[in-house]
């Protein structure tokens, strides 16, 4: 099965940027939908952004829209989340998740069977 590894998290100040990476191995992502989620301890997971390879569509949460951008590099079998103008409320563990054969991705965690272990993003002054 596909194996996902997130990287790129860290601690930044408000207004700064990070690029998260979701590197996949085991299977090509050509026919997958990939989604980024985030979770704060004690709270439910929140969908952030997703991309569907099959129909080349993307979606964003309201909080991410205009600040974050999802992209893919097929040659590297990697999906990125470009996060700009980070805010303290963006602090969370960020996970990428994948599912085969989704047409049009969605920001619902039960759509996805394959998950990475997450990468911590901390935004503080």
PDB file of N, CA and C in Angstrom:
ATOM      1  N   UNK A   1       0.829  -1.170   0.000  1.00  0.00           N
ATOM      2  CA  UNK A   1       0.000   0.000   0.000  1.00  0.00           C
ATOM      3  C   UNK A   1       0.883   1.246   0.000  1.00  0.00           C
ATOM      4  N   UNK A   2       0.266   2.347  -0.296  1.00  0.00           N
ATOM      5  CA  UNK A   2       1.015   3.582  -0.367  1.00  0.00           C
ATOM      6  C   UNK A   2       1.458   4.008   1.036  1.00  0.00           C
ATOM      7  N   UNK A   3       2.660   4.530   1.107  1.00  0.00           N
ATOM      8  CA  UNK A   3       3.226   5.010   2.354  1.00  0.00           C
ATOM      9  C   UNK A   3       3.485   6.504   2.210  1.00  0.00           C
ATOM     10  N   UNK A   4       3.026   7.275   3.177  1.00  0.00           N
ATOM     11  CA  UNK A   4       3.110   8.723   3.118  1.00  0.00           C
ATOM     12  C   UNK A   4       3.976   9.237   4.247  1.00  0.00           C
ATOM     13  N   UNK A   5       4.850  10.170   3.924  1.00  0.00           N
ATOM     14  CA  UNK A   5       5.723  10.783   4.914  1.00  0.00           C
ATOM     15  C   UNK A   5       5.654  12.288   4.747  1.00  0.00           C
ATOM     16  N   UNK A   6       5.214  12.970   5.794  1.00  0.00           N
ATOM     17  CA  UNK A   6       5.166  14.426   5.794  1.00  0.00           C
ATOM     18  C   UNK A   6       6.490  14.990   6.294  1.00  0.00           C
ATOM     19  N   UNK A   7       6.819  16.153   5.803  1.00  0.00           N
ATOM     20  CA  UNK A   7       7.981  16.872   6.284  1.00  0.00           C
ATOM     21  C   UNK A   7       7.770  18.352   6.045  1.00  0.00           C
ATOM     22  N   UNK A   8       8.637  19.157   6.604  1.00  0.00           N
ATOM     23  CA  UNK A   8       8.602  20.586   6.373  1.00  0.00           C
ATOM     24  C   UNK A   8       8.017  21.405   7.492  1.00  0.00           C
ATOM     25  N   UNK A   9       7.511  20.763   8.515  1.00  0.00           N
ATOM     26  CA  UNK A   9       6.977  21.500   9.638  1.00  0.00           C
ATOM     27  C   UNK A   9       8.076  22.147  10.451  1.00  0.00           C
ATOM     28  N   UNK A  10       7.664  22.988  11.363  1.00  0.00           N
ATOM     29  CA  UNK A  10       8.610  23.676  12.215  1.00  0.00           C
ATOM     30  C   UNK A  10       7.932  24.787  12.966  1.00  0.00           C
ATOM     31  N   UNK A  11       8.733  25.592  13.609  1.00  0.00           N
ATOM     32  CA  UNK A  11       8.251  26.727  14.379  1.00  0.00           C
ATOM     33  C   UNK A  11       8.570  28.015  13.646  1.00  0.00           C
ATOM     34  N   UNK A  12       7.553  28.824  13.438  1.00  0.00           N
ATOM     35  CA  UNK A  12       7.709  30.089  12.734  1.00  0.00           C
ATOM     36  C   UNK A  12       6.930  31.168  13.461  1.00  0.00           C
ATOM     37  N   UNK A  13       7.217  32.392  13.111  1.00  0.00           N
ATOM     38  CA  UNK A  13       6.491  33.526  13.648  1.00  0.00           C
ATOM     39  C   UNK A  13       5.289  33.850  12.779  1.00  0.00           C
ATOM     40  N   UNK A  14       4.286  34.487  13.339  1.00  0.00           N
ATOM     41  CA  UNK A  14       3.142  34.890  12.520  1.00  0.00           C
ATOM     42  C   UNK A  14       3.575  35.687  11.298  1.00  0.00           C
ATOM     43  N   UNK A  15       2.930  35.385  10.192  1.00  0.00           N
ATOM     44  CA  UNK A  15       3.241  36.042   8.943  1.00  0.00           C
ATOM     45  C   UNK A  15       4.269  35.333   8.091  1.00  0.00           C
ATOM     46  N   UNK A  16       4.957  34.386   8.666  1.00  0.00           N
ATOM     47  CA  UNK A  16       5.961  33.646   7.921  1.00  0.00           C
ATOM     48  C   UNK A  16       5.323  32.506   7.143  1.00  0.00           C
ATOM     49  N   UNK A  17       6.140  31.798   6.394  1.00  0.00           N
ATOM     50  CA  UNK A  17       5.661  30.761   5.498  1.00  0.00           C
ATOM     51  C   UNK A  17       6.376  29.446   5.753  1.00  0.00           C
ATOM     52  N   UNK A  18       5.702  28.389   5.400  1.00  0.00           N
ATOM     53  CA  UNK A  18       6.271  27.057   5.408  1.00  0.00           C
ATOM     54  C   UNK A  18       5.759  26.307   4.190  1.00  0.00           C
ATOM     55  N   UNK A  19       6.546  25.369   3.733  1.00  0.00           N
ATOM     56  CA  UNK A  19       6.104  24.443   2.714  1.00  0.00           C
ATOM     57  C   UNK A  19       6.181  23.034   3.266  1.00  0.00           C
ATOM     58  N   UNK A  20       5.037  22.415   3.364  1.00  0.00           N
ATOM     59  CA  UNK A  20       4.974  21.035   3.795  1.00  0.00           C
ATOM     60  C   UNK A  20       5.035  20.119   2.588  1.00  0.00           C
ATOM     61  N   UNK A  21       5.659  18.985   2.778  1.00  0.00           N
ATOM     62  CA  UNK A  21       5.767  17.990   1.731  1.00  0.00           C
ATOM     63  C   UNK A  21       5.130  16.694   2.186  1.00  0.00           C
ATOM     64  N   UNK A  22       4.495  16.036   1.262  1.00  0.00           N
ATOM     65  CA  UNK A  22       3.944  14.707   1.483  1.00  0.00           C
ATOM     66  C   UNK A  22       4.527  13.812   0.410  1.00  0.00           C
ATOM     67  N   UNK A  23       5.525  13.053   0.781  1.00  0.00           N
ATOM     68  CA  UNK A  23       6.199  12.172  -0.151  1.00  0.00           C
ATOM     69  C   UNK A  23       5.588  10.786  -0.076  1.00  0.00           C
ATOM     70  N   UNK A  24       5.219  10.254  -1.221  1.00  0.00           N
ATOM     71  CA  UNK A  24       4.588   8.952  -1.286  1.00  0.00           C
ATOM     72  C   UNK A  24       5.549   7.931  -1.856  1.00  0.00           C
ATOM     73  N   UNK A  25       5.447   6.741  -1.352  1.00  0.00           N
ATOM     74  CA  UNK A  25       6.203   5.623  -1.879  1.00  0.00           C
ATOM     75  C   UNK A  25       5.309   4.397  -1.919  1.00  0.00           C
ATOM     76  N   UNK A  26       5.725   3.426  -2.675  1.00  0.00           N
ATOM     77  CA  UNK A  26       4.960   2.194  -2.789  1.00  0.00           C
ATOM     78  C   UNK A  26       4.003   2.184  -3.961  1.00  0.00           C
ATOM     79  N   UNK A  27       3.380   3.305  -4.230  1.00  0.00           N
ATOM     80  CA  UNK A  27       2.460   3.452  -5.343  1.00  0.00           C
ATOM     81  C   UNK A  27       2.581   4.856  -5.898  1.00  0.00           C
ATOM     82  N   UNK A  28       2.327   4.972  -7.171  1.00  0.00           N
ATOM     83  CA  UNK A  28       2.249   6.299  -7.754  1.00  0.00           C
ATOM     84  C   UNK A  28       0.947   6.965  -7.339  1.00  0.00           C
ATOM     85  N   UNK A  29       0.993   8.273  -7.220  1.00  0.00           N
ATOM     86  CA  UNK A  29      -0.178   9.043  -6.835  1.00  0.00           C
ATOM     87  C   UNK A  29      -1.036   9.469  -8.017  1.00  0.00           C
ATOM     88  N   UNK A  30      -0.752   8.943  -9.183  1.00  0.00           N
ATOM     89  CA  UNK A  30      -1.450   9.396 -10.387  1.00  0.00           C
ATOM     90  C   UNK A  30      -2.961   9.306 -10.274  1.00  0.00           C
ATOM     91  N   UNK A  31      -3.444   8.280  -9.603  1.00  0.00           N
ATOM     92  CA  UNK A  31      -4.884   8.053  -9.545  1.00  0.00           C
ATOM     93  C   UNK A  31      -5.436   8.205  -8.133  1.00  0.00           C
ATOM     94  N   UNK A  32      -4.744   8.973  -7.336  1.00  0.00           N
ATOM     95  CA  UNK A  32      -5.156   9.233  -5.963  1.00  0.00           C
ATOM     96  C   UNK A  32      -5.700  10.641  -5.809  1.00  0.00           C
ATOM     97  N   UNK A  33      -6.500  10.799  -4.784  1.00  0.00           N
ATOM     98  CA  UNK A  33      -6.756  12.106  -4.215  1.00  0.00           C
ATOM     99  C   UNK A  33      -5.938  12.231  -2.935  1.00  0.00           C
ATOM    100  N   UNK A  34      -5.366  13.401  -2.734  1.00  0.00           N
ATOM    101  CA  UNK A  34      -4.535  13.674  -1.570  1.00  0.00           C
ATOM    102  C   UNK A  34      -5.123  14.861  -0.828  1.00  0.00           C
ATOM    103  N   UNK A  35      -5.153  14.755   0.479  1.00  0.00           N
ATOM    104  CA  UNK A  35      -5.699  15.833   1.278  1.00  0.00           C
ATOM    105  C   UNK A  35      -4.795  16.107   2.466  1.00  0.00           C
ATOM    106  N   UNK A  36      -4.701  17.370   2.811  1.00  0.00           N
ATOM    107  CA  UNK A  36      -4.036  17.788   4.032  1.00  0.00           C
ATOM    108  C   UNK A  36      -5.073  18.064   5.110  1.00  0.00           C
ATOM    109  N   UNK A  37      -4.808  17.518   6.278  1.00  0.00           N
ATOM    110  CA  UNK A  37      -5.615  17.768   7.463  1.00  0.00           C
ATOM    111  C   UNK A  37      -4.719  18.306   8.559  1.00  0.00           C
ATOM    112  N   UNK A  38      -5.330  18.920   9.534  1.00  0.00           N
ATOM    113  CA  UNK A  38      -4.587  19.335  10.710  1.00  0.00           C
ATOM    114  C   UNK A  38      -5.409  19.046  11.951  1.00  0.00           C
ATOM    115  N   UNK A  39      -4.690  18.875  13.047  1.00  0.00           N
ATOM    116  CA  UNK A  39      -5.361  18.535  14.287  1.00  0.00           C
ATOM    117  C   UNK A  39      -4.624  19.142  15.468  1.00  0.00           C
ATOM    118  N   UNK A  40      -5.381  19.754  16.325  1.00  0.00           N
ATOM    119  CA  UNK A  40      -4.893  20.263  17.596  1.00  0.00           C
ATOM    120  C   UNK A  40      -5.342  19.281  18.674  1.00  0.00           C
ATOM    121  N   UNK A  41      -4.490  18.982  19.643  1.00  0.00           N
ATOM    122  CA  UNK A  41      -4.908  18.068  20.705  1.00  0.00           C
ATOM    123  C   UNK A  41      -6.218  18.497  21.345  1.00  0.00           C
ATOM    124  N   UNK A  42      -7.124  17.540  21.485  1.00  0.00           N
ATOM    125  CA  UNK A  42      -8.418  17.823  22.064  1.00  0.00           C
ATOM    126  C   UNK A  42      -9.463  18.307  21.091  1.00  0.00           C
ATOM    127  N   UNK A  43      -9.089  18.489  19.833  1.00  0.00           N
ATOM    128  CA  UNK A  43     -10.032  18.946  18.825  1.00  0.00           C
ATOM    129  C   UNK A  43     -10.094  17.957  17.669  1.00  0.00           C
ATOM    130  N   UNK A  44     -11.142  18.080  16.894  1.00  0.00           N
ATOM    131  CA  UNK A  44     -11.315  17.213  15.741  1.00  0.00           C
ATOM    132  C   UNK A  44     -10.375  17.614  14.618  1.00  0.00           C
ATOM    133  N   UNK A  45     -10.075  16.656  13.774  1.00  0.00           N
ATOM    134  CA  UNK A  45      -9.293  16.955  12.594  1.00  0.00           C
ATOM    135  C   UNK A  45     -10.051  17.891  11.668  1.00  0.00           C
ATOM    136  N   UNK A  46      -9.309  18.763  11.041  1.00  0.00           N
ATOM    137  CA  UNK A  46      -9.867  19.746  10.136  1.00  0.00           C
ATOM    138  C   UNK A  46      -9.224  19.593   8.770  1.00  0.00           C
ATOM    139  N   UNK A  47     -10.040  19.474   7.756  1.00  0.00           N
ATOM    140  CA  UNK A  47      -9.516  19.459   6.405  1.00  0.00           C
ATOM    141  C   UNK A  47      -8.974  20.826   6.021  1.00  0.00           C
ATOM    142  N   UNK A  48      -7.842  20.835   5.371  1.00  0.00           N
ATOM    143  CA  UNK A  48      -7.178  22.077   4.992  1.00  0.00           C
ATOM    144  C   UNK A  48      -7.218  22.292   3.486  1.00  0.00           C
ATOM    145  N   UNK A  49      -6.763  21.306   2.748  1.00  0.00           N
ATOM    146  CA  UNK A  49      -6.713  21.418   1.301  1.00  0.00           C
ATOM    147  C   UNK A  49      -6.582  20.032   0.708  1.00  0.00           C
ATOM    148  N   UNK A  50      -7.073  19.872  -0.499  1.00  0.00           N
ATOM    149  CA  UNK A  50      -6.960  18.586  -1.162  1.00  0.00           C
ATOM    150  C   UNK A  50      -6.766  18.787  -2.645  1.00  0.00           C
ATOM    151  N   UNK A  51      -6.258  17.747  -3.270  1.00  0.00           N
ATOM    152  CA  UNK A  51      -6.036  17.756  -4.703  1.00  0.00           C
ATOM    153  C   UNK A  51      -6.394  16.387  -5.251  1.00  0.00           C
ATOM    154  N   UNK A  52      -7.092  16.386  -6.358  1.00  0.00           N
ATOM    155  CA  UNK A  52      -7.437  15.154  -7.052  1.00  0.00           C
ATOM    156  C   UNK A  52      -6.598  15.046  -8.305  1.00  0.00           C
ATOM    157  N   UNK A  53      -5.834  13.979  -8.402  1.00  0.00           N
ATOM    158  CA  UNK A  53      -5.017  13.777  -9.587  1.00  0.00           C
ATOM    159  C   UNK A  53      -5.859  13.440 -10.805  1.00  0.00           C
ATOM    160  N   UNK A  54      -6.929  12.684 -10.592  1.00  0.00           N
ATOM    161  CA  UNK A  54      -7.671  12.157 -11.721  1.00  0.00           C
ATOM    162  C   UNK A  54      -8.356  13.241 -12.535  1.00  0.00           C
ATOM    163  N   UNK A  55      -8.856  14.266 -11.876  1.00  0.00           N
ATOM    164  CA  UNK A  55      -9.535  15.347 -12.585  1.00  0.00           C
ATOM    165  C   UNK A  55      -8.857  16.693 -12.360  1.00  0.00           C
ATOM    166  N   UNK A  56      -7.727  16.687 -11.668  1.00  0.00           N
ATOM    167  CA  UNK A  56      -6.912  17.886 -11.474  1.00  0.00           C
ATOM    168  C   UNK A  56      -7.717  19.017 -10.853  1.00  0.00           C
ATOM    169  N   UNK A  57      -8.366  18.708  -9.768  1.00  0.00           N
ATOM    170  CA  UNK A  57      -9.110  19.716  -9.042  1.00  0.00           C
ATOM    171  C   UNK A  57      -8.535  19.872  -7.639  1.00  0.00           C
ATOM    172  N   UNK A  58      -8.793  21.021  -7.052  1.00  0.00           N
ATOM    173  CA  UNK A  58      -8.329  21.305  -5.700  1.00  0.00           C
ATOM    174  C   UNK A  58      -9.459  21.907  -4.887  1.00  0.00           C
ATOM    175  N   UNK A  59      -9.291  21.876  -3.585  1.00  0.00           N
ATOM    176  CA  UNK A  59     -10.243  22.504  -2.694  1.00  0.00           C
ATOM    177  C   UNK A  59      -9.493  23.006  -1.471  1.00  0.00           C
ATOM    178  N   UNK A  60     -10.068  24.003  -0.819  1.00  0.00           N
ATOM    179  CA  UNK A  60      -9.465  24.610   0.351  1.00  0.00           C
ATOM    180  C   UNK A  60     -10.529  24.896   1.388  1.00  0.00           C
ATOM    181  N   UNK A  61     -10.136  24.792   2.643  1.00  0.00           N
ATOM    182  CA  UNK A  61     -10.999  25.258   3.704  1.00  0.00           C
ATOM    183  C   UNK A  61     -11.077  26.778   3.658  1.00  0.00           C
ATOM    184  N   UNK A  62     -12.058  27.326   4.343  1.00  0.00           N
ATOM    185  CA  UNK A  62     -12.185  28.773   4.363  1.00  0.00           C
ATOM    186  C   UNK A  62     -10.966  29.431   5.000  1.00  0.00           C
ATOM    187  N   UNK A  63     -10.420  28.818   6.018  1.00  0.00           N
ATOM    188  CA  UNK A  63      -9.262  29.407   6.670  1.00  0.00           C
ATOM    189  C   UNK A  63      -8.017  29.350   5.801  1.00  0.00           C
ATOM    190  N   UNK A  64      -7.937  28.348   4.939  1.00  0.00           N
ATOM    191  CA  UNK A  64      -6.767  28.202   4.085  1.00  0.00           C
ATOM    192  C   UNK A  64      -6.861  29.019   2.801  1.00  0.00           C
ATOM    193  N   UNK A  65      -8.050  29.267   2.358  1.00  0.00           N
ATOM    194  CA  UNK A  65      -8.264  29.917   1.075  1.00  0.00           C
ATOM    195  C   UNK A  65      -7.580  31.283   1.048  1.00  0.00           C
ATOM    196  N   UNK A  66      -6.798  31.492   0.011  1.00  0.00           N
ATOM    197  CA  UNK A  66      -6.090  32.745  -0.142  1.00  0.00           C
ATOM    198  C   UNK A  66      -4.739  32.785   0.531  1.00  0.00           C
ATOM    199  N   UNK A  67      -4.462  31.861   1.412  1.00  0.00           N
ATOM    200  CA  UNK A  67      -3.175  31.815   2.109  1.00  0.00           C
ATOM    201  C   UNK A  67      -2.370  30.571   1.780  1.00  0.00           C
ATOM    202  N   UNK A  68      -3.046  29.476   1.582  1.00  0.00           N
ATOM    203  CA  UNK A  68      -2.380  28.201   1.332  1.00  0.00           C
ATOM    204  C   UNK A  68      -2.596  27.789  -0.119  1.00  0.00           C
ATOM    205  N   UNK A  69      -1.665  27.009  -0.613  1.00  0.00           N
ATOM    206  CA  UNK A  69      -1.793  26.484  -1.959  1.00  0.00           C
ATOM    207  C   UNK A  69      -1.264  25.066  -1.989  1.00  0.00           C
ATOM    208  N   UNK A  70      -2.036  24.184  -2.584  1.00  0.00           N
ATOM    209  CA  UNK A  70      -1.631  22.800  -2.723  1.00  0.00           C
ATOM    210  C   UNK A  70      -1.125  22.581  -4.137  1.00  0.00           C
ATOM    211  N   UNK A  71      -0.095  21.785  -4.262  1.00  0.00           N
ATOM    212  CA  UNK A  71       0.466  21.494  -5.567  1.00  0.00           C
ATOM    213  C   UNK A  71       1.041  20.091  -5.557  1.00  0.00           C
ATOM    214  N   UNK A  72       1.375  19.619  -6.729  1.00  0.00           N
ATOM    215  CA  UNK A  72       1.943  18.290  -6.847  1.00  0.00           C
ATOM    216  C   UNK A  72       3.103  18.281  -7.813  1.00  0.00           C
ATOM    217  N   UNK A  73       3.994  17.351  -7.601  1.00  0.00           N
ATOM    218  CA  UNK A  73       5.106  17.101  -8.496  1.00  0.00           C
ATOM    219  C   UNK A  73       5.062  15.621  -8.806  1.00  0.00           C
ATOM    220  N   UNK A  74       4.534  15.299  -9.967  1.00  0.00           N
ATOM    221  CA  UNK A  74       4.349  13.896 -10.312  1.00  0.00           C
ATOM    222  C   UNK A  74       5.682  13.154 -10.392  1.00  0.00           C
ATOM    223  N   UNK A  75       6.707  13.822 -10.887  1.00  0.00           N
ATOM    224  CA  UNK A  75       7.999  13.173 -11.022  1.00  0.00           C
ATOM    225  C   UNK A  75       8.571  12.754  -9.672  1.00  0.00           C
ATOM    226  N   UNK A  76       8.269  13.521  -8.641  1.00  0.00           N
ATOM    227  CA  UNK A  76       8.746  13.208  -7.297  1.00  0.00           C
ATOM    228  C   UNK A  76       7.718  12.453  -6.472  1.00  0.00           C
ATOM    229  N   UNK A  77       6.539  12.233  -7.047  1.00  0.00           N
ATOM    230  CA  UNK A  77       5.463  11.542  -6.339  1.00  0.00           C
ATOM    231  C   UNK A  77       5.194  12.216  -4.998  1.00  0.00           C
ATOM    232  N   UNK A  78       5.119  13.526  -5.042  1.00  0.00           N
ATOM    233  CA  UNK A  78       5.028  14.335  -3.838  1.00  0.00           C
ATOM    234  C   UNK A  78       3.969  15.410  -4.005  1.00  0.00           C
ATOM    235  N   UNK A  79       3.255  15.666  -2.934  1.00  0.00           N
ATOM    236  CA  UNK A  79       2.286  16.749  -2.858  1.00  0.00           C
ATOM    237  C   UNK A  79       2.785  17.751  -1.838  1.00  0.00           C
ATOM    238  N   UNK A  80       2.602  19.011  -2.132  1.00  0.00           N
ATOM    239  CA  UNK A  80       3.060  20.086  -1.269  1.00  0.00           C
ATOM    240  C   UNK A  80       1.890  20.910  -0.767  1.00  0.00           C
ATOM    241  N   UNK A  81       2.080  21.483   0.389  1.00  0.00           N
ATOM    242  CA  UNK A  81       1.172  22.492   0.898  1.00  0.00           C
ATOM    243  C   UNK A  81       1.997  23.727   1.200  1.00  0.00           C
ATOM    244  N   UNK A  82       1.809  24.741   0.385  1.00  0.00           N
ATOM    245  CA  UNK A  82       2.487  26.016   0.571  1.00  0.00           C
ATOM    246  C   UNK A  82       1.629  26.867   1.494  1.00  0.00           C
ATOM    247  N   UNK A  83       2.160  27.209   2.632  1.00  0.00           N
ATOM    248  CA  UNK A  83       1.417  27.940   3.644  1.00  0.00           C
ATOM    249  C   UNK A  83       2.056  29.309   3.831  1.00  0.00           C
ATOM    250  N   UNK A  84       1.305  30.323   3.497  1.00  0.00           N
ATOM    251  CA  UNK A  84       1.775  31.699   3.616  1.00  0.00           C
ATOM    252  C   UNK A  84       0.992  32.434   4.688  1.00  0.00           C
ATOM    253  N   UNK A  85       1.587  33.502   5.179  1.00  0.00           N
ATOM    254  CA  UNK A  85       0.930  34.345   6.171  1.00  0.00           C
ATOM    255  C   UNK A  85       0.369  33.509   7.320  1.00  0.00           C
ATOM    256  N   UNK A  86       1.216  32.703   7.884  1.00  0.00           N
ATOM    257  CA  UNK A  86       0.777  31.802   8.942  1.00  0.00           C
ATOM    258  C   UNK A  86       0.335  32.571  10.177  1.00  0.00           C
ATOM    259  N   UNK A  87      -0.662  32.018  10.829  1.00  0.00           N
ATOM    260  CA  UNK A  87      -1.250  32.604  12.010  1.00  0.00           C
ATOM    261  C   UNK A  87      -1.143  31.634  13.174  1.00  0.00           C
ATOM    262  N   UNK A  88      -1.204  32.137  14.399  1.00  0.00           N
ATOM    263  CA  UNK A  88      -1.137  31.226  15.543  1.00  0.00           C
ATOM    264  C   UNK A  88      -2.195  30.128  15.493  1.00  0.00           C
ATOM    265  N   UNK A  89      -3.362  30.428  14.964  1.00  0.00           N
ATOM    266  CA  UNK A  89      -4.401  29.421  14.890  1.00  0.00           C
ATOM    267  C   UNK A  89      -4.117  28.330  13.867  1.00  0.00           C
ATOM    268  N   UNK A  90      -3.061  28.481  13.084  1.00  0.00           N
ATOM    269  CA  UNK A  90      -2.626  27.421  12.184  1.00  0.00           C
ATOM    270  C   UNK A  90      -1.795  26.365  12.897  1.00  0.00           C
ATOM    271  N   UNK A  91      -1.444  26.612  14.132  1.00  0.00           N
ATOM    272  CA  UNK A  91      -0.652  25.655  14.891  1.00  0.00           C
ATOM    273  C   UNK A  91      -1.407  24.342  15.023  1.00  0.00           C
ATOM    274  N   UNK A  92      -0.773  23.273  14.614  1.00  0.00           N
ATOM    275  CA  UNK A  92      -1.402  21.955  14.633  1.00  0.00           C
ATOM    276  C   UNK A  92      -0.397  20.936  14.127  1.00  0.00           C
ATOM    277  N   UNK A  93      -0.763  19.685  14.262  1.00  0.00           N
ATOM    278  CA  UNK A  93      -0.082  18.638  13.533  1.00  0.00           C
ATOM    279  C   UNK A  93      -0.765  18.518  12.179  1.00  0.00           C
ATOM    280  N   UNK A  94       0.020  18.544  11.131  1.00  0.00           N
ATOM    281  CA  UNK A  94      -0.496  18.470   9.778  1.00  0.00           C
ATOM    282  C   UNK A  94      -0.248  17.079   9.214  1.00  0.00           C
ATOM    283  N   UNK A  95      -1.291  16.493   8.698  1.00  0.00           N
ATOM    284  CA  UNK A  95      -1.242  15.159   8.131  1.00  0.00           C
ATOM    285  C   UNK A  95      -1.610  15.206   6.656  1.00  0.00           C
ATOM    286  N   UNK A  96      -0.993  14.352   5.883  1.00  0.00           N
ATOM    287  CA  UNK A  96      -1.511  14.120   4.551  1.00  0.00           C
ATOM    288  C   UNK A  96      -2.175  12.762   4.513  1.00  0.00           C
ATOM    289  N   UNK A  97      -3.163  12.660   3.671  1.00  0.00           N
ATOM    290  CA  UNK A  97      -3.950  11.450   3.551  1.00  0.00           C
ATOM    291  C   UNK A  97      -4.248  11.200   2.086  1.00  0.00           C
ATOM    292  N   UNK A  98      -4.444   9.950   1.742  1.00  0.00           N
ATOM    293  CA  UNK A  98      -4.624   9.573   0.350  1.00  0.00           C
ATOM    294  C   UNK A  98      -5.707   8.516   0.206  1.00  0.00           C
ATOM    295  N   UNK A  99      -6.357   8.558  -0.944  1.00  0.00           N
ATOM    296  CA  UNK A  99      -7.323   7.527  -1.287  1.00  0.00           C
ATOM    297  C   UNK A  99      -7.307   7.311  -2.787  1.00  0.00           C
ATOM    298  N   UNK A 100      -7.379   6.073  -3.176  1.00  0.00           N
ATOM    299  CA  UNK A 100      -7.400   5.723  -4.582  1.00  0.00           C
ATOM    300  C   UNK A 100      -8.740   6.048  -5.217  1.00  0.00           C
ATOM    301  N   UNK A 101      -8.667   6.529  -6.430  1.00  0.00           N
ATOM    302  CA  UNK A 101      -9.835   6.588  -7.277  1.00  0.00           C
ATOM    303  C   UNK A 101     -10.872   7.631  -6.944  1.00  0.00           C
ATOM    304  N   UNK A 102     -10.585   8.537  -6.032  1.00  0.00           N
ATOM    305  CA  UNK A 102     -11.541   9.602  -5.761  1.00  0.00           C
ATOM    306  C   UNK A 102     -11.587  10.560  -6.938  1.00  0.00           C
ATOM    307  N   UNK A 103     -12.772  10.856  -7.375  1.00  0.00           N
ATOM    308  CA  UNK A 103     -12.972  11.866  -8.391  1.00  0.00           C
ATOM    309  C   UNK A 103     -13.524  13.093  -7.700  1.00  0.00           C
ATOM    310  N   UNK A 104     -12.744  14.134  -7.709  1.00  0.00           N
ATOM    311  CA  UNK A 104     -13.015  15.348  -6.948  1.00  0.00           C
ATOM    312  C   UNK A 104     -12.770  15.074  -5.467  1.00  0.00           C
ATOM    313  N   UNK A 105     -11.742  15.651  -4.929  1.00  0.00           N
ATOM    314  CA  UNK A 105     -11.377  15.408  -3.543  1.00  0.00           C
ATOM    315  C   UNK A 105     -12.352  16.101  -2.609  1.00  0.00           C
ATOM    316  N   UNK A 106     -12.305  15.695  -1.369  1.00  0.00           N
ATOM    317  CA  UNK A 106     -13.125  16.322  -0.349  1.00  0.00           C
ATOM    318  C   UNK A 106     -12.357  16.428   0.949  1.00  0.00           C
ATOM    319  N   UNK A 107     -12.766  17.366   1.780  1.00  0.00           N
ATOM    320  CA  UNK A 107     -12.075  17.633   3.039  1.00  0.00           C
ATOM    321  C   UNK A 107     -12.766  16.915   4.194  1.00  0.00           C
ATOM    322  N   UNK A 108     -12.996  15.647   4.006  1.00  0.00           N
ATOM    323  CA  UNK A 108     -13.613  14.806   5.013  1.00  0.00           C
ATOM    324  C   UNK A 108     -12.674  13.653   5.301  1.00  0.00           C
ATOM    325  N   UNK A 109     -12.302  13.498   6.558  1.00  0.00           N
ATOM    326  CA  UNK A 109     -11.241  12.555   6.865  1.00  0.00           C
ATOM    327  C   UNK A 109     -11.627  11.109   6.610  1.00  0.00           C
ATOM    328  N   UNK A 110     -12.916  10.791   6.659  1.00  0.00           N
ATOM    329  CA  UNK A 110     -13.301   9.406   6.436  1.00  0.00           C
ATOM    330  C   UNK A 110     -13.277   8.999   4.971  1.00  0.00           C
ATOM    331  N   UNK A 111     -12.933   9.911   4.084  1.00  0.00           N
ATOM    332  CA  UNK A 111     -12.744   9.558   2.687  1.00  0.00           C
ATOM    333  C   UNK A 111     -11.405   8.876   2.433  1.00  0.00           C
ATOM    334  N   UNK A 112     -10.489   9.004   3.361  1.00  0.00           N
ATOM    335  CA  UNK A 112      -9.111   8.634   3.104  1.00  0.00           C
ATOM    336  C   UNK A 112      -8.671   7.496   4.000  1.00  0.00           C
ATOM    337  N   UNK A 113      -8.069   6.506   3.402  1.00  0.00           N
ATOM    338  CA  UNK A 113      -7.614   5.342   4.145  1.00  0.00           C
ATOM    339  C   UNK A 113      -6.148   5.388   4.529  1.00  0.00           C
ATOM    340  N   UNK A 114      -5.345   6.107   3.793  1.00  0.00           N
ATOM    341  CA  UNK A 114      -3.899   6.090   3.994  1.00  0.00           C
ATOM    342  C   UNK A 114      -3.446   7.415   4.551  1.00  0.00           C
ATOM    343  N   UNK A 115      -2.700   7.343   5.632  1.00  0.00           N
ATOM    344  CA  UNK A 115      -2.305   8.532   6.376  1.00  0.00           C
ATOM    345  C   UNK A 115      -0.842   8.509   6.723  1.00  0.00           C
ATOM    346  N   UNK A 116      -0.224   9.671   6.691  1.00  0.00           N
ATOM    347  CA  UNK A 116       1.098   9.829   7.239  1.00  0.00           C
ATOM    348  C   UNK A 116       1.046  10.034   8.737  1.00  0.00           C
ATOM    349  N   UNK A 117       2.217  10.143   9.330  1.00  0.00           N
ATOM    350  CA  UNK A 117       2.296  10.307  10.775  1.00  0.00           C
ATOM    351  C   UNK A 117       2.199  11.751  11.230  1.00  0.00           C
ATOM    352  N   UNK A 118       2.311  12.676  10.320  1.00  0.00           N
ATOM    353  CA  UNK A 118       2.131  14.074  10.649  1.00  0.00           C
ATOM    354  C   UNK A 118       3.432  14.823  10.839  1.00  0.00           C
ATOM    355  N   UNK A 119       3.334  16.133  10.711  1.00  0.00           N
ATOM    356  CA  UNK A 119       4.442  17.025  10.975  1.00  0.00           C
ATOM    357  C   UNK A 119       3.910  18.233  11.738  1.00  0.00           C
ATOM    358  N   UNK A 120       4.639  18.642  12.748  1.00  0.00           N
ATOM    359  CA  UNK A 120       4.175  19.700  13.632  1.00  0.00           C
ATOM    360  C   UNK A 120       4.462  21.069  13.033  1.00  0.00           C
ATOM    361  N   UNK A 121       3.452  21.910  13.043  1.00  0.00           N
ATOM    362  CA  UNK A 121       3.590  23.313  12.681  1.00  0.00           C
ATOM    363  C   UNK A 121       3.217  24.139  13.896  1.00  0.00           C
ATOM    364  N   UNK A 122       4.113  25.006  14.298  1.00  0.00           N
ATOM    365  CA  UNK A 122       3.874  25.882  15.433  1.00  0.00           C
ATOM    366  C   UNK A 122       4.098  27.316  15.000  1.00  0.00           C
ATOM    367  N   UNK A 123       3.098  28.142  15.213  1.00  0.00           N
ATOM    368  CA  UNK A 123       3.164  29.543  14.831  1.00  0.00           C
ATOM    369  C   UNK A 123       2.990  30.368  16.100  1.00  0.00           C
ATOM    370  N   UNK A 124       4.029  31.050  16.488  1.00  0.00           N
ATOM    371  CA  UNK A 124       3.981  31.839  17.708  1.00  0.00           C
ATOM    372  C   UNK A 124       4.983  32.971  17.623  1.00  0.00           C
ATOM    373  N   UNK A 125       4.715  34.012  18.378  1.00  0.00           N
ATOM    374  CA  UNK A 125       5.605  35.146  18.397  1.00  0.00           C
ATOM    375  C   UNK A 125       6.680  34.979  19.456  1.00  0.00           C
TER     376      UNK A 125
END
